[in-house]
Amino acid sequence: MKNRIEKLRKEKGIKQEDLAIAVEVSRQTIGSLENGRYNPSIILAFKIARYFHMSIEDIFIYEEEIENEKE
Protein backbone atom coordinates (compact mmCIF):
# COMPACT_ATOMS: atom_id res chain seq x y z
CA MET A 1 0.00 0.00 0.00
CA LYS A 2 1.44 3.35 -0.99
CA ASN A 3 1.09 6.40 1.20
CA ARG A 4 1.94 10.08 1.49
CA ILE A 5 3.27 9.97 5.06
CA GLU A 6 6.85 10.99 4.28
CA LYS A 7 5.74 13.85 2.02
CA LEU A 8 3.26 15.16 4.59
CA ARG A 9 5.70 14.76 7.44
CA LYS A 10 8.47 16.64 5.63
CA GLU A 11 6.12 19.42 4.49
CA LYS A 12 5.27 20.05 8.14
CA GLY A 13 8.84 19.67 9.40
CA ILE A 14 8.00 16.68 11.58
CA LYS A 15 10.63 14.08 12.51
CA GLN A 16 9.85 10.38 12.22
CA GLU A 17 10.40 10.05 15.95
CA ASP A 18 7.89 12.80 16.78
CA LEU A 19 5.23 11.26 14.55
CA ALA A 20 5.94 7.84 16.05
CA ILE A 21 5.44 9.16 19.58
CA ALA A 22 2.21 10.90 18.59
CA VAL A 23 0.68 7.75 17.09
CA GLU A 24 2.22 5.37 19.66
CA VAL A 25 4.53 3.28 17.44
CA SER A 26 8.29 3.02 17.00
CA ARG A 27 10.32 5.25 14.71
CA GLN A 28 11.18 2.09 12.77
CA THR A 29 7.48 1.48 12.11
CA ILE A 30 7.14 4.97 10.61
CA GLY A 31 10.19 4.31 8.43
CA SER A 32 8.74 0.99 7.27
CA LEU A 33 5.41 2.64 6.47
CA GLU A 34 7.12 5.37 4.47
CA ASN A 35 9.14 2.80 2.51
CA GLY A 36 6.11 0.62 1.78
CA ARG A 37 7.47 -2.34 3.75
CA TYR A 38 4.61 -2.33 6.26
CA ASN A 39 0.86 -1.91 5.92
CA PRO A 40 -0.74 -0.23 8.92
CA SER A 41 -3.56 -1.62 10.99
CA ILE A 42 -6.82 0.26 10.56
CA ILE A 43 -6.32 1.78 14.02
CA LEU A 44 -2.85 3.06 13.12
CA ALA A 45 -4.15 4.42 9.81
CA PHE A 46 -6.86 6.33 11.72
CA LYS A 47 -4.30 7.70 14.20
CA ILE A 48 -2.05 8.93 11.38
CA ALA A 49 -4.98 10.46 9.50
CA ARG A 50 -6.18 12.20 12.65
CA TYR A 51 -2.65 13.48 13.35
CA PHE A 52 -2.51 15.14 9.91
CA HIS A 53 -6.19 16.23 10.06
CA MET A 54 -6.91 14.30 6.86
CA SER A 55 -8.96 11.31 5.78
CA ILE A 56 -7.37 7.88 5.52
CA GLU A 57 -8.02 7.93 1.77
CA ASP A 58 -6.02 11.15 1.41
CA ILE A 59 -2.95 9.54 2.98
CA PHE A 60 -3.10 5.87 2.02
CA ILE A 61 -3.45 4.71 -1.59
CA TYR A 62 -4.81 1.23 -2.08
CA GLU A 63 -2.80 -0.41 -4.88
CA GLU A 64 -5.92 -1.56 -6.73
CA GLU A 65 -6.67 2.13 -7.32
CA ILE A 66 -3.24 2.55 -8.90
CA GLU A 67 -3.82 -0.43 -11.20
CA ASN A 68 -7.21 0.94 -12.28
CA GLU A 69 -5.65 4.30 -13.14
CA LYS A 70 -3.13 2.56 -15.45
CA GLU A 71 -5.86 0.84 -17.48
PDB file of N, CA and C in Angstrom:
ATOM      1  N   MET A   1       0.855  -1.174   0.000  1.00  0.00           N
ATOM      2  CA  MET A   1       0.000   0.000   0.000  1.00  0.00           C
ATOM      3  C   MET A   1       0.900   1.236   0.000  1.00  0.00           C
ATOM      4  N   LYS A   2       0.665   2.110  -0.927  1.00  0.00           N
ATOM      5  CA  LYS A   2       1.438   3.347  -0.987  1.00  0.00           C
ATOM      6  C   LYS A   2       0.803   4.378  -0.060  1.00  0.00           C
ATOM      7  N   ASN A   3       1.617   5.365   0.324  1.00  0.00           N
ATOM      8  CA  ASN A   3       1.090   6.402   1.199  1.00  0.00           C
ATOM      9  C   ASN A   3       1.863   7.699   1.012  1.00  0.00           C
ATOM     10  N   ARG A   4       1.342   8.747   1.592  1.00  0.00           N
ATOM     11  CA  ARG A   4       1.941  10.077   1.495  1.00  0.00           C
ATOM     12  C   ARG A   4       2.535  10.529   2.829  1.00  0.00           C
ATOM     13  N   ILE A   5       2.818   9.607   3.718  1.00  0.00           N
ATOM     14  CA  ILE A   5       3.274   9.970   5.063  1.00  0.00           C
ATOM     15  C   ILE A   5       4.566  10.777   5.022  1.00  0.00           C
ATOM     16  N   GLU A   6       5.559  10.289   4.306  1.00  0.00           N
ATOM     17  CA  GLU A   6       6.849  10.989   4.278  1.00  0.00           C
ATOM     18  C   GLU A   6       6.691  12.398   3.719  1.00  0.00           C
ATOM     19  N   LYS A   7       5.958  12.534   2.633  1.00  0.00           N
ATOM     20  CA  LYS A   7       5.740  13.852   2.024  1.00  0.00           C
ATOM     21  C   LYS A   7       5.048  14.799   3.005  1.00  0.00           C
ATOM     22  N   LEU A   8       3.991  14.332   3.630  1.00  0.00           N
ATOM     23  CA  LEU A   8       3.255  15.161   4.589  1.00  0.00           C
ATOM     24  C   LEU A   8       4.118  15.522   5.792  1.00  0.00           C
ATOM     25  N   ARG A   9       4.854  14.546   6.267  1.00  0.00           N
ATOM     26  CA  ARG A   9       5.696  14.762   7.439  1.00  0.00           C
ATOM     27  C   ARG A   9       6.770  15.812   7.147  1.00  0.00           C
ATOM     28  N   LYS A  10       7.414  15.692   5.993  1.00  0.00           N
ATOM     29  CA  LYS A  10       8.472  16.642   5.633  1.00  0.00           C
ATOM     30  C   LYS A  10       7.922  18.035   5.367  1.00  0.00           C
ATOM     31  N   GLU A  11       6.751  18.113   4.740  1.00  0.00           N
ATOM     32  CA  GLU A  11       6.124  19.421   4.487  1.00  0.00           C
ATOM     33  C   GLU A  11       5.875  20.174   5.789  1.00  0.00           C
ATOM     34  N   LYS A  12       5.583  19.430   6.847  1.00  0.00           N
ATOM     35  CA  LYS A  12       5.265  20.048   8.138  1.00  0.00           C
ATOM     36  C   LYS A  12       6.474  20.104   9.075  1.00  0.00           C
ATOM     37  N   GLY A  13       7.633  19.633   8.589  1.00  0.00           N
ATOM     38  CA  GLY A  13       8.842  19.674   9.398  1.00  0.00           C
ATOM     39  C   GLY A  13       8.806  18.769  10.614  1.00  0.00           C
ATOM     40  N   ILE A  14       8.161  17.622  10.468  1.00  0.00           N
ATOM     41  CA  ILE A  14       7.999  16.678  11.580  1.00  0.00           C
ATOM     42  C   ILE A  14       9.011  15.540  11.430  1.00  0.00           C
ATOM     43  N   LYS A  15       9.687  15.200  12.505  1.00  0.00           N
ATOM     44  CA  LYS A  15      10.630  14.082  12.505  1.00  0.00           C
ATOM     45  C   LYS A  15       9.864  12.772  12.624  1.00  0.00           C
ATOM     46  N   GLN A  16      10.460  11.708  12.086  1.00  0.00           N
ATOM     47  CA  GLN A  16       9.854  10.384  12.217  1.00  0.00           C
ATOM     48  C   GLN A  16       9.591  10.057  13.683  1.00  0.00           C
ATOM     49  N   GLU A  17      10.537  10.367  14.528  1.00  0.00           N
ATOM     50  CA  GLU A  17      10.400  10.048  15.952  1.00  0.00           C
ATOM     51  C   GLU A  17       9.210  10.771  16.585  1.00  0.00           C
ATOM     52  N   ASP A  18       9.009  12.033  16.212  1.00  0.00           N
ATOM     53  CA  ASP A  18       7.892  12.796  16.775  1.00  0.00           C
ATOM     54  C   ASP A  18       6.546  12.240  16.319  1.00  0.00           C
ATOM     55  N   LEU A  19       6.458  11.871  15.049  1.00  0.00           N
ATOM     56  CA  LEU A  19       5.228  11.257  14.549  1.00  0.00           C
ATOM     57  C   LEU A  19       4.994   9.920  15.252  1.00  0.00           C
ATOM     58  N   ALA A  20       6.056   9.145  15.396  1.00  0.00           N
ATOM     59  CA  ALA A  20       5.942   7.840  16.054  1.00  0.00           C
ATOM     60  C   ALA A  20       5.396   7.977  17.473  1.00  0.00           C
ATOM     61  N   ILE A  21       5.916   8.935  18.214  1.00  0.00           N
ATOM     62  CA  ILE A  21       5.441   9.155  19.583  1.00  0.00           C
ATOM     63  C   ILE A  21       3.966   9.543  19.575  1.00  0.00           C
ATOM     64  N   ALA A  22       3.591  10.416  18.650  1.00  0.00           N
ATOM     65  CA  ALA A  22       2.211  10.903  18.593  1.00  0.00           C
ATOM     66  C   ALA A  22       1.209   9.792  18.288  1.00  0.00           C
ATOM     67  N   VAL A  23       1.613   8.820  17.462  1.00  0.00           N
ATOM     68  CA  VAL A  23       0.684   7.747  17.085  1.00  0.00           C
ATOM     69  C   VAL A  23       1.002   6.426  17.796  1.00  0.00           C
ATOM     70  N   GLU A  24       1.915   6.497  18.766  1.00  0.00           N
ATOM     71  CA  GLU A  24       2.219   5.368  19.656  1.00  0.00           C
ATOM     72  C   GLU A  24       2.792   4.139  18.952  1.00  0.00           C
ATOM     73  N   VAL A  25       3.783   4.375  18.073  1.00  0.00           N
ATOM     74  CA  VAL A  25       4.528   3.283  17.444  1.00  0.00           C
ATOM     75  C   VAL A  25       6.012   3.631  17.509  1.00  0.00           C
ATOM     76  N   SER A  26       6.858   2.737  17.017  1.00  0.00           N
ATOM     77  CA  SER A  26       8.294   3.015  17.003  1.00  0.00           C
ATOM     78  C   SER A  26       8.660   3.856  15.776  1.00  0.00           C
ATOM     79  N   ARG A  27       9.821   4.496  15.851  1.00  0.00           N
ATOM     80  CA  ARG A  27      10.320   5.249  14.706  1.00  0.00           C
ATOM     81  C   ARG A  27      10.544   4.310  13.522  1.00  0.00           C
ATOM     82  N   GLN A  28      10.965   3.073  13.818  1.00  0.00           N
ATOM     83  CA  GLN A  28      11.185   2.090  12.765  1.00  0.00           C
ATOM     84  C   GLN A  28       9.888   1.762  12.032  1.00  0.00           C
ATOM     85  N   THR A  29       8.779   1.735  12.746  1.00  0.00           N
ATOM     86  CA  THR A  29       7.480   1.483  12.107  1.00  0.00           C
ATOM     87  C   THR A  29       7.147   2.599  11.132  1.00  0.00           C
ATOM     88  N   ILE A  30       7.393   3.843  11.520  1.00  0.00           N
ATOM     89  CA  ILE A  30       7.137   4.969  10.615  1.00  0.00           C
ATOM     90  C   ILE A  30       8.015   4.841   9.377  1.00  0.00           C
ATOM     91  N   GLY A  31       9.283   4.503   9.569  1.00  0.00           N
ATOM     92  CA  GLY A  31      10.186   4.308   8.431  1.00  0.00           C
ATOM     93  C   GLY A  31       9.706   3.203   7.511  1.00  0.00           C
ATOM     94  N   SER A  32       9.252   2.106   8.080  1.00  0.00           N
ATOM     95  CA  SER A  32       8.743   0.992   7.273  1.00  0.00           C
ATOM     96  C   SER A  32       7.474   1.372   6.526  1.00  0.00           C
ATOM     97  N   LEU A  33       6.614   2.150   7.155  1.00  0.00           N
ATOM     98  CA  LEU A  33       5.410   2.638   6.474  1.00  0.00           C
ATOM     99  C   LEU A  33       5.793   3.512   5.288  1.00  0.00           C
ATOM    100  N   GLU A  34       6.718   4.434   5.524  1.00  0.00           N
ATOM    101  CA  GLU A  34       7.122   5.365   4.473  1.00  0.00           C
ATOM    102  C   GLU A  34       7.767   4.651   3.291  1.00  0.00           C
ATOM    103  N   ASN A  35       8.466   3.554   3.569  1.00  0.00           N
ATOM    104  CA  ASN A  35       9.140   2.800   2.509  1.00  0.00           C
ATOM    105  C   ASN A  35       8.271   1.708   1.898  1.00  0.00           C
ATOM    106  N   GLY A  36       7.023   1.604   2.344  1.00  0.00           N
ATOM    107  CA  GLY A  36       6.109   0.618   1.782  1.00  0.00           C
ATOM    108  C   GLY A  36       6.387  -0.812   2.210  1.00  0.00           C
ATOM    109  N   ARG A  37       7.156  -0.994   3.268  1.00  0.00           N
ATOM    110  CA  ARG A  37       7.470  -2.344   3.751  1.00  0.00           C
ATOM    111  C   ARG A  37       6.473  -2.843   4.786  1.00  0.00           C
ATOM    112  N   TYR A  38       5.555  -1.981   5.188  1.00  0.00           N
ATOM    113  CA  TYR A  38       4.614  -2.330   6.256  1.00  0.00           C
ATOM    114  C   TYR A  38       3.273  -1.674   5.969  1.00  0.00           C
ATOM    115  N   ASN A  39       2.212  -2.453   6.051  1.00  0.00           N
ATOM    116  CA  ASN A  39       0.862  -1.912   5.923  1.00  0.00           C
ATOM    117  C   ASN A  39       0.290  -1.702   7.321  1.00  0.00           C
ATOM    118  N   PRO A  40      -0.265  -0.528   7.576  1.00  0.00           N
ATOM    119  CA  PRO A  40      -0.744  -0.230   8.923  1.00  0.00           C
ATOM    120  C   PRO A  40      -2.047  -0.952   9.255  1.00  0.00           C
ATOM    121  N   SER A  41      -2.254  -1.158  10.535  1.00  0.00           N
ATOM    122  CA  SER A  41      -3.563  -1.624  10.989  1.00  0.00           C
ATOM    123  C   SER A  41      -4.548  -0.482  10.743  1.00  0.00           C
ATOM    124  N   ILE A  42      -5.812  -0.782  10.765  1.00  0.00           N
ATOM    125  CA  ILE A  42      -6.818   0.264  10.563  1.00  0.00           C
ATOM    126  C   ILE A  42      -6.744   1.294  11.690  1.00  0.00           C
ATOM    127  N   ILE A  43      -6.433   0.846  12.891  1.00  0.00           N
ATOM    128  CA  ILE A  43      -6.316   1.776  14.023  1.00  0.00           C
ATOM    129  C   ILE A  43      -5.147   2.728  13.812  1.00  0.00           C
ATOM    130  N   LEU A  44      -4.004   2.197  13.374  1.00  0.00           N
ATOM    131  CA  LEU A  44      -2.849   3.059  13.120  1.00  0.00           C
ATOM    132  C   LEU A  44      -3.137   4.020  11.967  1.00  0.00           C
ATOM    133  N   ALA A  45      -3.801   3.543  10.929  1.00  0.00           N
ATOM    134  CA  ALA A  45      -4.154   4.425   9.809  1.00  0.00           C
ATOM    135  C   ALA A  45      -5.039   5.573  10.291  1.00  0.00           C
ATOM    136  N   PHE A  46      -6.004   5.277  11.162  1.00  0.00           N
ATOM    137  CA  PHE A  46      -6.862   6.329  11.722  1.00  0.00           C
ATOM    138  C   PHE A  46      -6.049   7.322  12.549  1.00  0.00           C
ATOM    139  N   LYS A  47      -5.122   6.813  13.365  1.00  0.00           N
ATOM    140  CA  LYS A  47      -4.300   7.704  14.195  1.00  0.00           C
ATOM    141  C   LYS A  47      -3.458   8.644  13.332  1.00  0.00           C
ATOM    142  N   ILE A  48      -2.875   8.101  12.273  1.00  0.00           N
ATOM    143  CA  ILE A  48      -2.052   8.927  11.382  1.00  0.00           C
ATOM    144  C   ILE A  48      -2.916   9.951  10.665  1.00  0.00           C
ATOM    145  N   ALA A  49      -4.064   9.527  10.176  1.00  0.00           N
ATOM    146  CA  ALA A  49      -4.976  10.455   9.498  1.00  0.00           C
ATOM    147  C   ALA A  49      -5.417  11.564  10.447  1.00  0.00           C
ATOM    148  N   ARG A  50      -5.763  11.208  11.661  1.00  0.00           N
ATOM    149  CA  ARG A  50      -6.181  12.199  12.653  1.00  0.00           C
ATOM    150  C   ARG A  50      -5.030  13.163  12.960  1.00  0.00           C
ATOM    151  N   TYR A  51      -3.819  12.647  13.065  1.00  0.00           N
ATOM    152  CA  TYR A  51      -2.650  13.481  13.352  1.00  0.00           C
ATOM    153  C   TYR A  51      -2.481  14.568  12.290  1.00  0.00           C
ATOM    154  N   PHE A  52      -2.670  14.186  11.015  1.00  0.00           N
ATOM    155  CA  PHE A  52      -2.514  15.137   9.911  1.00  0.00           C
ATOM    156  C   PHE A  52      -3.814  15.876   9.570  1.00  0.00           C
ATOM    157  N   HIS A  53      -4.880  15.606  10.310  1.00  0.00           N
ATOM    158  CA  HIS A  53      -6.190  16.233  10.058  1.00  0.00           C
ATOM    159  C   HIS A  53      -6.656  15.971   8.623  1.00  0.00           C
ATOM    160  N   MET A  54      -6.526  14.710   8.211  1.00  0.00           N
ATOM    161  CA  MET A  54      -6.905  14.304   6.859  1.00  0.00           C
ATOM    162  C   MET A  54      -7.696  13.002   6.943  1.00  0.00           C
ATOM    163  N   SER A  55      -8.287  12.611   5.829  1.00  0.00           N
ATOM    164  CA  SER A  55      -8.962  11.314   5.784  1.00  0.00           C
ATOM    165  C   SER A  55      -7.930  10.230   5.467  1.00  0.00           C
ATOM    166  N   ILE A  56      -8.254   9.013   5.821  1.00  0.00           N
ATOM    167  CA  ILE A  56      -7.367   7.885   5.518  1.00  0.00           C
ATOM    168  C   ILE A  56      -7.104   7.823   4.017  1.00  0.00           C
ATOM    169  N   GLU A  57      -8.146   8.031   3.218  1.00  0.00           N
ATOM    170  CA  GLU A  57      -8.021   7.935   1.769  1.00  0.00           C
ATOM    171  C   GLU A  57      -7.091   8.991   1.188  1.00  0.00           C
ATOM    172  N   ASP A  58      -6.925  10.107   1.882  1.00  0.00           N
ATOM    173  CA  ASP A  58      -6.022  11.152   1.406  1.00  0.00           C
ATOM    174  C   ASP A  58      -4.563  10.834   1.711  1.00  0.00           C
ATOM    175  N   ILE A  59      -4.320   9.891   2.592  1.00  0.00           N
ATOM    176  CA  ILE A  59      -2.949   9.540   2.976  1.00  0.00           C
ATOM    177  C   ILE A  59      -2.531   8.198   2.396  1.00  0.00           C
ATOM    178  N   PHE A  60      -3.420   7.213   2.461  1.00  0.00           N
ATOM    179  CA  PHE A  60      -3.095   5.865   2.023  1.00  0.00           C
ATOM    180  C   PHE A  60      -3.755   5.575   0.684  1.00  0.00           C
ATOM    181  N   ILE A  61      -2.975   4.995  -0.232  1.00  0.00           N
ATOM    182  CA  ILE A  61      -3.454   4.711  -1.585  1.00  0.00           C
ATOM    183  C   ILE A  61      -3.466   3.200  -1.775  1.00  0.00           C
ATOM    184  N   TYR A  62      -4.661   2.665  -1.869  1.00  0.00           N
ATOM    185  CA  TYR A  62      -4.815   1.226  -2.083  1.00  0.00           C
ATOM    186  C   TYR A  62      -4.317   0.898  -3.479  1.00  0.00           C
ATOM    187  N   GLU A  63      -3.469  -0.123  -3.610  1.00  0.00           N
ATOM    188  CA  GLU A  63      -2.798  -0.407  -4.875  1.00  0.00           C
ATOM    189  C   GLU A  63      -3.756  -0.765  -6.000  1.00  0.00           C
ATOM    190  N   GLU A  64      -4.938  -1.268  -5.690  1.00  0.00           N
ATOM    191  CA  GLU A  64      -5.920  -1.557  -6.732  1.00  0.00           C
ATOM    192  C   GLU A  64      -6.306  -0.268  -7.452  1.00  0.00           C
ATOM    193  N   GLU A  65      -6.364   0.836  -6.712  1.00  0.00           N
ATOM    194  CA  GLU A  65      -6.672   2.129  -7.317  1.00  0.00           C
ATOM    195  C   GLU A  65      -5.602   2.519  -8.314  1.00  0.00           C
ATOM    196  N   ILE A  66      -4.349   2.232  -8.008  1.00  0.00           N
ATOM    197  CA  ILE A  66      -3.242   2.552  -8.903  1.00  0.00           C
ATOM    198  C   ILE A  66      -3.357   1.726 -10.171  1.00  0.00           C
ATOM    199  N   GLU A  67      -3.660   0.437 -10.038  1.00  0.00           N
ATOM    200  CA  GLU A  67      -3.822  -0.435 -11.197  1.00  0.00           C
ATOM    201  C   GLU A  67      -4.962   0.047 -12.093  1.00  0.00           C
ATOM    202  N   ASN A  68      -6.077   0.461 -11.497  1.00  0.00           N
ATOM    203  CA  ASN A  68      -7.214   0.939 -12.278  1.00  0.00           C
ATOM    204  C   ASN A  68      -6.874   2.210 -13.040  1.00  0.00           C
ATOM    205  N   GLU A  69      -6.033   3.064 -12.470  1.00  0.00           N
ATOM    206  CA  GLU A  69      -5.646   4.298 -13.143  1.00  0.00           C
ATOM    207  C   GLU A  69      -4.773   4.018 -14.355  1.00  0.00           C
ATOM    208  N   LYS A  70      -4.011   2.914 -14.344  1.00  0.00           N
ATOM    209  CA  LYS A  70      -3.127   2.558 -15.454  1.00  0.00           C
ATOM    210  C   LYS A  70      -3.915   2.050 -16.651  1.00  0.00           C
ATOM    211  N   GLU A  71      -5.079   1.469 -16.401  1.00  0.00           N
ATOM    212  CA  GLU A  71      -5.864   0.842 -17.476  1.00  0.00           C
ATOM    213  C   GLU A  71      -6.594   1.831 -18.325  1.00  0.00           C
TER     214      GLU A  71
END
